[in-house]
Structures are given as structure tokens and as C-alpha cells.
Amino acid sequence: MILINPEFKKALEDFASYLIAEKNLASATVVAYLTDLKQFAVYVEKTLGAKARPEDVDRTLVRRFLGWLNVLREKRTTVARKLVALRVFYRYLLREGRVEINPVELIRSPRQEKRLPKYLPYNEIVKILEAPPPTPLGLRDRALWETLYASGLRVGELVSLNLEDVDLSRGEIRVRGKGGRERLAPLGRMAIAAIKDYLACGRPVLATRGNPGEKALFLNHLGSRLTSRGVRQRLDYYVKKTVVAAGISPHVLRHCFATHMLERGADLRAVQELLGHVRLSSTQVYTHVTPEHLRAVYQKAHPRAQLARTTVEERSKDAWQK
């Protein structure tokens, strides 16, 4: 259990209330911020003493904290996330007049390695989609994978779906994304069919094991709302069963959704809306198409590409005839 002095603790509690009430951040985001900030508070107290306050922190101490994280061999993404939490925390304290300067403001985030998102070819995705058996849990799992792949949801968005969020007649679901933002996500024909089968023959069986008034769309084996961890465990099971490449998480299905949409000619901004991205730069990471697909798109789209190829073919034919 993390113990910090009352003054630092009060600042964190007030900050949490601010994130929820004014910033309208998701509870998972608030918990992540507080976890990182509690680690920082403990470091500050060990460095400056048990009575250290947030206003006692200067830029040098923040840099020493980041250096300590590097000694612990924390990933760059982890260090960057903790720095974001600190930056938002001290902006709040500055606004409230609790500190005179923001010691984090001029500190740059560590440069991130650009890694392409992991994704599977369509034939590998089909193996996972078609693997669940026609049992109550199997019908649920089939609906899970079809929904993830059809709508590009985050796993947290998936498990927070309620029955009232699904409109199968219109083929869409209401999704509550990051920052409390809502969007409508489409459901494809196969996803609609899988959800119908689950609602007809799977969910009623699972619901008898728990609270009859449970509103969650996806239930676990006890009849309660399925968790993100439960989704990951089930996917791990099917990945091993279908001998698909290891290291496949539910988020990979989101990557597959975006990648396959773009490979088939979807507009980047349309995919941005479907994914619920605020910035287009977040969606551009999915433009990692294969050279073969890039060449095919060029031949189809460029006004002189087809002409150039035809000319070469005609010249070759003339040379052969001569």
C-alpha cells in the first residue's frame, strides 16, 4: 500500500475530483493518472523528506525522477505517460494557485519509437472469427470477435456496451469512448447475425447464473458483466486453438479493422471517425500498406499509370512482331 503525507494526498484527491467533474475523463484514465502521481509523490518524499509538498518540487527534481525511471528500465511510452500525468497535475495546481510555477512545463517527453501496429491478414482473422463452438459461451465469443472486427472498438468500449446501446435493425451500436465522447459505430452483416444468435441462445443461459436485471450486453460465465481481462483470456484461448501468431490482443482486432478498411479503399478521415480518434495523426499509423497493394492502388488511381503500362506492352508486342 502506497503511503503519502496528508497534504500531497489532499492535492491528489482534489485533482481526481477535477478530472472527473470538469474534464469528464473516464474512470480508468483517472486511476492511471493517480497511480503514476502516487509513485511520484513517494519519490518526492524519499528525496525531500516525509513532509514534502507538491509546491516543493522543482524542474531538477522532475528530471531526477525521470532519470530514476530510466534506471528502472521503464519503457519510453511509460515514462512519457507519467510525464503527461505530472504535466496535467501541475497545470491544475497552477490554475488553483497552489504553486507559482509548473516545474514540468518545459520538460520534453522522450522521443518515441515509431512502431507499426500489429495486424493479421484477413484469412487469419477468419480463423479466429469462426473458431467458437455453438455453445452459450461460444456464441458470446463469436459475437465478441465479430463486433470487435466489424466496428473497430477498444476492448474497454466493448465490455461497457449495454443492451440498450445495440440497434440491430439499423445495424449500429452507441459507443462511449475516451473522455466520455459518444459515437455511433456500424455493425456488418456477420456481426449482426452473431449478436442475434448470442441474444437468442447464448445470453439468456448466461443471465440465469447472475442478476436477472444485468444490463450488460456481454456476460461472463457467472452472468455478470464481462471484463476486459476476460476478453483477453478468451482471445488467448482461441489464438492458441487456431495456431494464429502469438501475441494477439483484442486491440489487434481494432488494428485489423482499420488496416483492412484502408487497404480496400476507405477514406482515412472516415476511418478516423469510426475509430473515435480526435486527431488524424492517430489514424495515420494504420497506413502501413504492402508494396503490392500500393502498386495496385497507383495503377488504378493515377491518370497516366495505366497509359504508361499499355504503351510498354504495345512496344513489346511490336518488337516481337519485328
Protein backbone atom coordinates (compact mmCIF):
# COMPACT_ATOMS: atom_id res chain seq x y z
CA MET A 1 0.00 0.00 0.00
CA ILE A 2 1.33 3.42 -1.02
CA LEU A 3 1.55 5.88 1.91
CA ILE A 4 1.95 9.61 1.27
CA ASN A 5 1.61 12.60 3.55
CA PRO A 6 -1.83 14.22 4.07
CA GLU A 7 -1.02 17.39 2.10
CA PHE A 8 0.11 15.53 -1.01
CA LYS A 9 -2.82 13.14 -0.61
CA LYS A 10 -5.32 16.03 -0.42
CA ALA A 11 -3.87 17.57 -3.60
CA LEU A 12 -4.28 14.27 -5.44
CA GLU A 13 -7.84 13.82 -4.20
CA ASP A 14 -8.79 17.32 -5.36
CA PHE A 15 -7.09 16.66 -8.70
CA ALA A 16 -9.09 13.44 -9.13
CA SER A 17 -12.34 15.32 -8.49
CA TYR A 18 -11.30 17.91 -11.08
CA LEU A 19 -10.60 15.22 -13.70
CA ILE A 20 -13.98 13.61 -13.14
CA ALA A 21 -16.19 16.66 -12.69
CA GLU A 22 -14.61 19.16 -15.10
CA LYS A 23 -12.52 17.16 -17.55
CA ASN A 24 -15.07 14.34 -17.69
CA LEU A 25 -12.33 11.73 -18.05
CA ALA A 26 -13.04 8.01 -17.92
CA SER A 27 -12.53 6.34 -14.55
CA ALA A 28 -9.75 4.15 -15.97
CA THR A 29 -7.85 7.26 -17.09
CA VAL A 30 -8.24 8.89 -13.67
CA VAL A 31 -6.95 5.75 -11.94
CA ALA A 32 -3.96 5.63 -14.30
CA TYR A 33 -3.11 9.29 -13.57
CA LEU A 34 -3.36 8.78 -9.80
CA THR A 35 -1.22 5.63 -9.90
CA ASP A 36 1.58 7.48 -11.70
CA LEU A 37 1.28 10.52 -9.43
CA LYS A 38 1.37 8.44 -6.24
CA GLN A 39 4.61 6.88 -7.45
CA PHE A 40 5.99 10.38 -7.99
CA ALA A 41 4.78 11.52 -4.55
CA VAL A 42 6.60 8.63 -2.88
CA TYR A 43 9.77 9.50 -4.81
CA VAL A 44 9.49 13.14 -3.74
CA GLU A 45 9.07 12.21 -0.07
CA LYS A 46 12.03 9.84 -0.17
CA THR A 47 14.12 12.59 -1.75
CA LEU A 48 12.97 15.71 0.13
CA GLY A 49 11.56 14.22 3.30
CA ALA A 50 8.26 12.88 4.63
CA LYS A 51 6.63 16.34 4.77
CA ALA A 52 7.41 17.32 1.16
CA ARG A 53 4.59 19.14 -0.60
CA PRO A 54 3.72 19.43 -4.32
CA GLU A 55 4.95 23.05 -4.30
CA ASP A 56 8.40 21.91 -3.12
CA VAL A 57 9.03 20.21 -6.45
CA ASP A 58 11.26 21.95 -8.99
CA ARG A 59 12.37 21.10 -12.52
CA THR A 60 15.57 19.46 -11.32
CA LEU A 61 13.65 17.03 -9.14
CA VAL A 62 11.33 16.12 -12.01
CA ARG A 63 14.36 15.38 -14.20
CA ARG A 64 15.86 13.24 -11.43
CA PHE A 65 12.59 11.31 -11.24
CA LEU A 66 12.68 10.66 -14.99
CA GLY A 67 16.29 9.55 -14.68
CA TRP A 68 15.29 7.14 -11.91
CA LEU A 69 12.62 5.67 -14.20
CA ASN A 70 15.29 5.09 -16.83
CA VAL A 71 17.42 3.29 -14.25
CA LEU A 72 14.42 1.04 -13.64
CA ARG A 73 14.42 0.39 -17.42
CA GLU A 74 10.90 1.68 -17.86
CA LYS A 75 9.73 1.85 -21.46
CA ARG A 76 9.74 5.22 -23.20
CA THR A 77 5.98 5.04 -23.56
CA THR A 78 5.64 4.51 -19.80
CA VAL A 79 7.93 7.44 -18.99
CA ALA A 80 6.02 9.65 -21.44
CA ARG A 81 2.70 8.65 -19.84
CA LYS A 82 3.94 9.51 -16.35
CA LEU A 83 5.22 12.85 -17.62
CA VAL A 84 1.80 13.64 -19.07
CA ALA A 85 0.20 12.90 -15.69
CA LEU A 86 2.66 15.24 -13.98
CA ARG A 87 2.13 17.96 -16.55
CA VAL A 88 -1.67 17.88 -16.19
CA PHE A 89 -1.40 17.74 -12.38
CA TYR A 90 0.81 20.81 -12.13
CA ARG A 91 -1.25 22.74 -14.64
CA TYR A 92 -4.21 22.12 -12.34
CA LEU A 93 -2.22 23.24 -9.26
CA LEU A 94 -1.05 26.36 -11.10
CA ARG A 95 -4.60 27.22 -12.08
CA GLU A 96 -5.75 26.76 -8.48
CA GLY A 97 -2.93 28.97 -7.19
CA ARG A 98 -1.32 26.16 -5.19
CA VAL A 99 2.00 26.52 -7.00
CA GLU A 100 3.68 29.54 -8.58
CA ILE A 101 5.38 27.72 -11.46
CA ASN A 102 4.83 24.48 -13.37
CA PRO A 103 8.10 22.51 -12.98
CA VAL A 104 7.10 20.14 -15.78
CA GLU A 105 6.12 22.66 -18.45
CA LEU A 106 9.47 22.92 -20.26
CA ILE A 107 10.46 19.26 -19.94
CA ARG A 108 10.19 17.39 -23.22
CA SER A 109 8.73 13.93 -23.49
CA PRO A 110 11.16 11.18 -24.52
CA ARG A 111 11.26 10.53 -28.24
CA GLN A 112 9.06 7.58 -29.04
CA GLU A 113 9.99 4.72 -31.30
CA LYS A 114 7.70 4.55 -34.30
CA ARG A 115 6.29 1.06 -34.37
CA LEU A 116 3.71 -0.18 -36.81
CA PRO A 117 0.61 -1.65 -35.18
CA LYS A 118 0.44 -5.42 -35.29
CA TYR A 119 -2.28 -6.84 -37.50
CA LEU A 120 -3.32 -10.09 -39.16
CA PRO A 121 -4.18 -10.86 -42.78
CA TYR A 122 -7.86 -11.47 -43.42
CA ASN A 123 -7.56 -15.26 -43.69
CA GLU A 124 -6.04 -15.37 -40.17
CA ILE A 125 -8.83 -13.18 -38.80
CA VAL A 126 -11.42 -15.57 -40.26
CA LYS A 127 -9.86 -18.47 -38.30
CA ILE A 128 -10.50 -16.63 -35.03
CA LEU A 129 -13.99 -15.44 -36.02
CA GLU A 130 -15.14 -18.94 -36.94
CA ALA A 131 -13.44 -20.84 -34.09
CA PRO A 132 -16.07 -20.52 -31.28
CA PRO A 133 -18.46 -23.52 -30.95
CA PRO A 134 -22.29 -23.17 -30.86
CA THR A 135 -22.45 -23.18 -27.05
CA PRO A 136 -23.69 -20.26 -24.89
CA LEU A 137 -20.12 -19.12 -24.26
CA GLY A 138 -19.12 -19.89 -27.83
CA LEU A 139 -21.99 -17.81 -29.20
CA ARG A 140 -20.90 -14.96 -26.94
CA ASP A 141 -17.28 -15.27 -28.07
CA ARG A 142 -18.29 -15.29 -31.74
CA ALA A 143 -20.30 -12.10 -31.11
CA LEU A 144 -17.32 -10.57 -29.31
CA TRP A 145 -14.85 -11.14 -32.15
CA GLU A 146 -17.32 -10.18 -34.88
CA THR A 147 -18.18 -6.93 -33.06
CA LEU A 148 -14.55 -6.01 -32.43
CA TYR A 149 -13.60 -6.63 -36.04
CA ALA A 150 -16.75 -5.08 -37.54
CA SER A 151 -16.65 -1.85 -35.53
CA GLY A 152 -13.01 -1.36 -34.51
CA LEU A 153 -13.88 -0.92 -30.84
CA ARG A 154 -11.44 -0.68 -27.97
CA VAL A 155 -11.87 -3.58 -25.56
CA GLY A 156 -12.99 -1.16 -22.82
CA GLU A 157 -15.69 0.18 -25.13
CA LEU A 158 -16.77 -3.35 -25.97
CA VAL A 159 -17.31 -4.54 -22.40
CA SER A 160 -19.13 -1.32 -21.41
CA LEU A 161 -21.83 -1.89 -24.02
CA ASN A 162 -25.34 -2.30 -22.63
CA LEU A 163 -28.32 -3.97 -24.28
CA GLU A 164 -29.86 -0.56 -24.98
CA ASP A 165 -26.76 0.51 -26.93
CA VAL A 166 -27.38 -2.02 -29.70
CA ASP A 167 -29.76 -1.32 -32.59
CA LEU A 168 -29.68 -4.39 -34.82
CA SER A 169 -32.44 -3.09 -37.10
CA ARG A 170 -30.24 -0.12 -38.04
CA GLY A 171 -27.04 -2.12 -37.79
CA GLU A 172 -25.27 0.19 -35.34
CA ILE A 173 -24.14 0.49 -31.73
CA ARG A 174 -23.73 3.51 -29.46
CA VAL A 175 -20.18 3.58 -28.11
CA ARG A 176 -18.87 5.53 -25.14
CA GLY A 177 -15.24 6.28 -25.93
CA LYS A 178 -12.37 8.13 -24.29
CA GLY A 179 -13.21 11.36 -22.50
CA GLY A 180 -16.88 10.45 -22.34
CA ARG A 181 -17.28 11.02 -26.09
CA GLU A 182 -20.06 9.05 -27.75
CA ARG A 183 -20.17 7.84 -31.33
CA LEU A 184 -22.25 5.51 -33.46
CA ALA A 185 -20.37 2.53 -34.85
CA PRO A 186 -21.70 0.37 -37.70
CA LEU A 187 -22.21 -3.36 -37.48
CA GLY A 188 -21.65 -5.53 -40.53
CA ARG A 189 -23.95 -8.33 -41.65
CA MET A 190 -21.89 -11.05 -39.97
CA ALA A 191 -21.66 -9.15 -36.69
CA ILE A 192 -25.42 -8.56 -36.63
CA ALA A 193 -26.05 -12.28 -37.21
CA ALA A 194 -23.59 -13.26 -34.45
CA ILE A 195 -25.16 -10.86 -31.93
CA LYS A 196 -28.66 -12.11 -32.80
CA ASP A 197 -27.60 -15.73 -32.21
CA TYR A 198 -25.98 -14.75 -28.92
CA LEU A 199 -29.03 -12.79 -27.73
CA ALA A 200 -31.36 -15.63 -28.70
CA CYS A 201 -29.46 -18.67 -27.44
CA GLY A 202 -26.39 -17.58 -25.51
CA ARG A 203 -27.10 -14.61 -23.26
CA PRO A 204 -30.38 -15.99 -21.80
CA VAL A 205 -28.50 -19.05 -20.49
CA LEU A 206 -25.67 -16.94 -19.02
CA ALA A 207 -28.15 -14.46 -17.50
CA THR A 208 -29.78 -17.19 -15.37
CA ARG A 209 -26.49 -17.53 -13.44
CA GLY A 210 -26.39 -13.92 -12.25
CA ASN A 211 -28.51 -10.84 -11.67
CA PRO A 212 -31.66 -11.00 -13.85
CA GLY A 213 -31.56 -7.21 -14.23
CA GLU A 214 -27.99 -7.07 -15.58
CA LYS A 215 -27.89 -4.54 -18.45
CA ALA A 216 -24.51 -5.53 -19.90
CA LEU A 217 -24.58 -6.84 -23.44
CA PHE A 218 -21.75 -9.31 -22.90
CA LEU A 219 -21.89 -11.54 -19.81
CA ASN A 220 -19.27 -13.82 -18.27
CA HIS A 221 -19.88 -17.44 -17.21
CA LEU A 222 -21.34 -16.19 -13.90
CA GLY A 223 -23.90 -13.94 -15.55
CA SER A 224 -22.11 -10.68 -14.68
CA ARG A 225 -20.61 -8.07 -16.99
CA LEU A 226 -17.63 -9.42 -18.90
CA THR A 227 -14.37 -7.61 -18.12
CA SER A 228 -11.54 -6.51 -20.39
CA ARG A 229 -9.34 -9.13 -18.75
CA GLY A 230 -11.94 -11.81 -19.51
CA VAL A 231 -11.97 -10.82 -23.18
CA ARG A 232 -8.18 -11.08 -23.36
CA GLN A 233 -8.19 -14.51 -21.73
CA ARG A 234 -10.79 -15.83 -24.16
CA LEU A 235 -8.91 -14.45 -27.14
CA ASP A 236 -5.70 -16.07 -25.90
CA TYR A 237 -7.57 -19.38 -25.84
CA TYR A 238 -8.72 -19.07 -29.46
CA VAL A 239 -5.35 -17.83 -30.67
CA LYS A 240 -3.72 -20.98 -29.30
CA LYS A 241 -6.54 -23.14 -30.63
CA THR A 242 -6.29 -21.78 -34.18
CA VAL A 243 -2.47 -21.63 -34.16
CA VAL A 244 -2.55 -17.96 -35.13
CA ALA A 245 0.60 -15.89 -34.49
CA ALA A 246 1.27 -15.37 -30.79
CA GLY A 247 0.89 -12.02 -29.05
CA ILE A 248 -2.54 -11.22 -30.44
CA SER A 249 -4.59 -8.97 -28.15
CA PRO A 250 -8.15 -7.64 -28.58
CA HIS A 251 -6.59 -4.35 -29.70
CA VAL A 252 -5.05 -6.17 -32.66
CA LEU A 253 -8.57 -6.75 -33.99
CA ARG A 254 -9.02 -2.98 -33.89
CA HIS A 255 -5.78 -2.63 -35.88
CA CYS A 256 -7.05 -5.22 -38.36
CA PHE A 257 -10.32 -3.33 -38.77
CA ALA A 258 -8.53 -0.08 -39.63
CA THR A 259 -5.85 -1.67 -41.81
CA HIS A 260 -8.24 -3.80 -43.85
CA MET A 261 -10.61 -0.85 -44.33
CA LEU A 262 -7.80 1.34 -45.67
CA GLU A 263 -6.43 -1.44 -47.88
CA ARG A 264 -9.85 -1.70 -49.50
CA GLY A 265 -10.02 1.99 -50.30
CA ALA A 266 -11.72 3.53 -47.25
CA ASP A 267 -11.14 7.24 -46.70
CA LEU A 268 -8.67 7.99 -43.90
CA ARG A 269 -10.94 10.57 -42.26
CA ALA A 270 -13.87 8.14 -42.34
CA VAL A 271 -11.73 5.54 -40.55
CA GLN A 272 -10.73 8.25 -38.06
CA GLU A 273 -14.40 8.82 -37.20
CA LEU A 274 -15.11 5.10 -36.95
CA LEU A 275 -12.19 4.59 -34.56
CA GLY A 276 -13.15 7.58 -32.44
CA HIS A 277 -9.78 9.30 -32.87
CA VAL A 278 -9.68 13.01 -32.04
CA ARG A 279 -6.56 13.64 -34.16
CA LEU A 280 -5.95 12.38 -37.68
CA SER A 281 -2.32 11.67 -36.76
CA SER A 282 -3.55 8.84 -34.52
CA THR A 283 -5.18 7.20 -37.53
CA GLN A 284 -2.28 7.70 -39.94
CA VAL A 285 -0.31 4.97 -38.19
CA TYR A 286 -2.59 2.47 -39.95
CA THR A 287 -1.46 3.49 -43.42
CA HIS A 288 1.19 0.74 -43.44
CA VAL A 289 0.03 -0.90 -46.67
CA THR A 290 2.03 -3.54 -48.50
CA PRO A 291 4.08 -2.62 -51.61
CA GLU A 292 1.81 -4.81 -53.73
CA HIS A 293 -1.30 -3.01 -52.54
CA LEU A 294 0.41 0.36 -53.02
CA ARG A 295 1.34 -0.57 -56.59
CA ALA A 296 -2.22 -1.72 -57.34
CA VAL A 297 -3.70 1.50 -55.97
CA TYR A 298 -1.26 3.54 -58.04
CA GLN A 299 -2.12 1.67 -61.23
CA LYS A 300 -5.82 2.12 -60.56
CA ALA A 301 -5.78 5.75 -59.43
CA HIS A 302 -3.05 7.60 -61.33
CA PRO A 303 -4.33 9.03 -64.65
CA ARG A 304 -1.15 8.14 -66.58
CA ALA A 305 -0.17 4.91 -64.86
CA GLN A 306 -2.48 2.74 -66.99
CA LEU A 307 -1.41 4.57 -70.13
CA ALA A 308 2.27 4.01 -69.36
CA ARG A 309 1.79 0.28 -68.83
CA THR A 310 -0.21 -0.08 -72.04
CA THR A 311 2.48 1.74 -74.01
CA VAL A 312 5.15 -0.61 -72.71
CA GLU A 313 3.04 -3.64 -73.60
CA GLU A 314 2.44 -2.33 -77.13
CA ARG A 315 6.13 -1.64 -77.66
CA SER A 316 6.99 -5.14 -76.52
CA LYS A 317 4.43 -6.61 -78.89
CA ASP A 318 5.74 -4.55 -81.83
CA ALA A 319 9.32 -5.54 -81.09
CA TRP A 320 8.33 -9.24 -81.01
CA GLN A 321 6.50 -8.98 -84.34
CA LYS A 322 9.51 -7.38 -85.97
